[in-house]
């Protein structure tokens, strides 16, 4: 029942809507994913791209921040340093709306941002297998992704398994994670 209510059309919220945060929190709690459509300023994207280009030109520093181990099949990530324009949370995808959604999702109990990285997939990358982005600790962990380029159908499909993060009791987490990993 939950999965049938969480089709791709029903997880999108117009970021320009005055009730976007409330809608997004409800969808995130119900489906485990929400898309904030039109939620990133294009001028900020250009500023971020310039900062990323500058970082990439600093080869030694860039390679210190580069991680090619955790991802696979032509994918890698660069952990962003907290300096220069990279200290602007909105520039990094943590807009007021995103923070309102996180605050609502965590019921105002507080949360922390673990890290900010740029994930890149080379054109020759293989298909990515289904995998969890978080460890199925419902209400405890959230991944926030911001597309820095238009995602088109020619890039291949992106699948999400709705309603897979159902365990809210800590003692149920190991069994819940094991079941879901077996299904994947």
Protein backbone atom coordinates (compact mmCIF):
# COMPACT_ATOMS: atom_id res chain seq x y z
CA UNK A 1 0.00 0.00 0.00
CA UNK A 2 2.76 2.39 0.94
CA UNK A 3 4.74 1.70 -2.23
CA UNK A 4 1.69 2.22 -4.46
CA UNK A 5 1.24 5.70 -2.96
CA UNK A 6 4.87 6.64 -3.57
CA UNK A 7 5.10 6.72 -7.34
CA UNK A 8 7.62 9.16 -8.86
CA UNK A 9 4.86 11.71 -9.42
CA UNK A 10 3.81 11.72 -5.78
CA UNK A 11 7.24 12.32 -4.24
CA UNK A 12 7.87 15.67 -5.95
CA UNK A 13 7.13 18.95 -4.20
CA UNK A 14 7.27 22.33 -5.90
CA UNK A 15 9.90 24.23 -3.90
CA UNK A 16 8.15 27.51 -4.72
CA UNK A 17 4.94 26.40 -2.93
CA UNK A 18 4.44 28.09 0.46
CA UNK A 19 3.69 24.72 2.09
CA UNK A 20 6.63 22.93 0.44
CA UNK A 21 8.43 22.09 3.70
CA UNK A 22 5.32 20.60 5.32
CA UNK A 23 4.50 18.59 2.20
CA UNK A 24 8.11 17.42 1.87
CA UNK A 25 8.33 16.22 5.48
CA UNK A 26 5.09 14.22 5.11
CA UNK A 27 6.28 12.59 1.88
CA UNK A 28 9.75 11.89 3.30
CA UNK A 29 8.26 10.20 6.36
CA UNK A 30 5.78 8.17 4.31
CA UNK A 31 7.94 7.20 1.32
CA UNK A 32 11.52 7.61 2.49
CA UNK A 33 12.30 10.01 -0.36
CA UNK A 34 11.16 13.44 -1.52
CA UNK A 35 12.15 15.54 -4.51
CA UNK A 36 12.26 19.31 -4.09
CA UNK A 37 11.58 20.42 -7.66
CA UNK A 38 13.11 23.74 -8.73
CA UNK A 39 14.90 23.96 -5.41
CA UNK A 40 18.32 25.18 -6.53
CA UNK A 41 19.22 28.65 -7.78
CA UNK A 42 20.99 28.54 -11.17
CA UNK A 43 23.25 31.50 -10.28
CA UNK A 44 24.40 29.58 -7.20
CA UNK A 45 25.06 26.57 -9.40
CA UNK A 46 27.37 28.66 -11.59
CA UNK A 47 29.20 29.95 -8.49
CA UNK A 48 29.59 26.42 -7.16
CA UNK A 49 30.88 25.17 -10.53
CA UNK A 50 33.50 27.95 -10.59
CA UNK A 51 34.60 26.98 -7.05
CA UNK A 52 34.80 23.31 -8.07
CA UNK A 53 36.84 24.20 -11.17
CA UNK A 54 39.20 26.21 -8.96
CA UNK A 55 39.54 23.29 -6.53
CA UNK A 56 40.23 20.86 -9.40
CA UNK A 57 43.01 23.15 -10.67
CA UNK A 58 44.78 22.74 -7.29
CA UNK A 59 45.87 19.20 -8.14
CA UNK A 60 47.60 18.23 -4.89
CA UNK A 61 44.77 19.54 -2.72
CA UNK A 62 42.13 18.01 -5.00
CA UNK A 63 43.76 14.56 -4.78
CA UNK A 64 43.86 14.79 -0.98
CA UNK A 65 40.06 15.23 -1.03
CA UNK A 66 39.41 12.62 -3.74
CA UNK A 67 37.86 9.27 -2.78
CA UNK A 68 37.94 6.54 -5.40
CA UNK A 69 37.47 3.66 -2.93
CA UNK A 70 33.90 3.86 -1.64
CA UNK A 71 32.18 4.05 -5.01
CA UNK A 72 32.57 1.73 -7.98
CA UNK A 73 32.21 1.33 -11.74
CA UNK A 74 33.67 4.69 -12.78
CA UNK A 75 32.25 6.71 -9.91
CA UNK A 76 34.19 8.81 -7.44
CA UNK A 77 33.63 11.59 -4.94
CA UNK A 78 35.48 14.66 -3.76
CA UNK A 79 34.90 15.78 -0.17
CA UNK A 80 34.51 19.53 -0.21
CA UNK A 81 36.68 21.66 2.05
CA UNK A 82 34.93 24.09 4.37
CA UNK A 83 36.51 27.28 3.07
CA UNK A 84 35.94 30.04 0.53
CA UNK A 85 32.55 29.85 -1.14
CA UNK A 86 32.11 26.30 0.22
CA UNK A 87 31.11 27.76 3.58
CA UNK A 88 27.83 29.02 2.10
CA UNK A 89 25.31 26.31 3.04
CA UNK A 90 22.82 27.40 0.36
CA UNK A 91 25.52 27.10 -2.26
CA UNK A 92 26.10 23.52 -1.09
CA UNK A 93 22.43 22.55 -1.38
CA UNK A 94 21.43 23.20 2.24
CA UNK A 95 18.95 25.98 1.50
CA UNK A 96 16.47 27.30 4.06
CA UNK A 97 13.89 24.91 2.59
CA UNK A 98 16.18 21.89 2.95
CA UNK A 99 16.93 22.88 6.57
CA UNK A 100 13.18 23.32 7.25
CA UNK A 101 12.53 19.83 5.87
CA UNK A 102 15.34 18.32 7.96
CA UNK A 103 14.16 20.16 11.08
CA UNK A 104 10.61 18.89 10.52
CA UNK A 105 11.76 15.36 9.77
CA UNK A 106 13.84 15.23 12.95
CA UNK A 107 11.01 16.85 14.95
CA UNK A 108 13.19 19.81 15.94
CA UNK A 109 15.50 17.53 17.97
CA UNK A 110 18.55 18.64 16.06
CA UNK A 111 20.78 16.96 13.51
CA UNK A 112 24.24 17.32 12.06
CA UNK A 113 25.59 17.35 8.54
CA UNK A 114 28.16 14.56 8.32
CA UNK A 115 29.87 15.63 5.11
CA UNK A 116 29.42 17.33 1.76
CA UNK A 117 30.88 15.71 -1.34
CA UNK A 118 30.53 15.88 -5.09
CA UNK A 119 29.74 12.51 -6.68
CA UNK A 120 30.79 12.09 -10.28
CA UNK A 121 30.02 9.33 -12.73
CA UNK A 122 32.22 8.99 -15.81
CA UNK A 123 30.48 8.51 -19.16
CA UNK A 124 31.86 4.97 -19.35
CA UNK A 125 30.47 4.00 -15.92
CA UNK A 126 28.75 0.67 -15.55
CA UNK A 127 25.28 0.27 -14.10
CA UNK A 128 25.05 0.75 -10.38
CA UNK A 129 23.39 -2.07 -8.48
CA UNK A 130 20.56 -1.36 -6.10
CA UNK A 131 22.03 -0.27 -2.79
CA UNK A 132 21.03 1.61 0.35
CA UNK A 133 22.16 5.24 0.65
CA UNK A 134 21.51 5.16 4.39
CA UNK A 135 21.60 2.37 6.91
CA UNK A 136 17.83 1.98 7.32
CA UNK A 137 17.76 3.72 10.67
CA UNK A 138 14.42 5.38 10.05
CA UNK A 139 14.29 8.86 11.46
CA UNK A 140 18.02 8.83 12.25
CA UNK A 141 19.83 9.19 8.92
CA UNK A 142 19.03 11.09 5.73
CA UNK A 143 20.99 11.55 2.49
CA UNK A 144 20.49 14.84 0.66
CA UNK A 145 21.42 14.83 -3.03
CA UNK A 146 21.47 17.90 -5.28
CA UNK A 147 21.81 17.37 -9.03
CA UNK A 148 24.39 19.79 -10.43
CA UNK A 149 23.48 18.96 -14.03
CA UNK A 150 20.14 18.19 -15.64
CA UNK A 151 19.32 14.52 -15.16
CA UNK A 152 17.93 13.20 -18.43
CA UNK A 153 16.46 9.85 -19.52
CA UNK A 154 19.57 9.21 -21.65
CA UNK A 155 21.54 8.85 -18.41
CA UNK A 156 19.54 5.75 -17.60
CA UNK A 157 16.89 5.11 -14.98
CA UNK A 158 17.14 5.85 -11.29
CA UNK A 159 15.20 3.44 -9.11
CA UNK A 160 14.03 3.95 -5.55
CA UNK A 161 12.50 1.26 -3.37
CA UNK A 162 9.84 3.19 -1.43
CA UNK A 163 8.92 2.33 2.12
CA UNK A 164 12.07 0.28 2.73
CA UNK A 165 13.09 2.17 5.87
CA UNK A 166 10.32 1.01 8.17
CA UNK A 167 12.22 0.11 11.34
CA UNK A 168 11.98 2.89 13.92
CA UNK A 169 13.02 0.87 16.99
CA UNK A 170 16.77 0.56 17.49
CA UNK A 171 16.56 -3.13 18.44
CA UNK A 172 14.92 -3.88 15.07
CA UNK A 173 17.63 -2.19 12.96
CA UNK A 174 19.95 -5.17 12.41
CA UNK A 175 17.12 -7.48 11.29
CA UNK A 176 15.53 -4.75 9.16
CA UNK A 177 18.83 -3.96 7.43
CA UNK A 178 19.59 -7.67 6.87
CA UNK A 179 16.17 -8.30 5.30
CA UNK A 180 16.44 -5.31 3.01
CA UNK A 181 19.98 -6.14 1.91
CA UNK A 182 18.83 -9.68 1.08
CA UNK A 183 15.97 -8.28 -1.01
CA UNK A 184 18.33 -5.91 -2.85
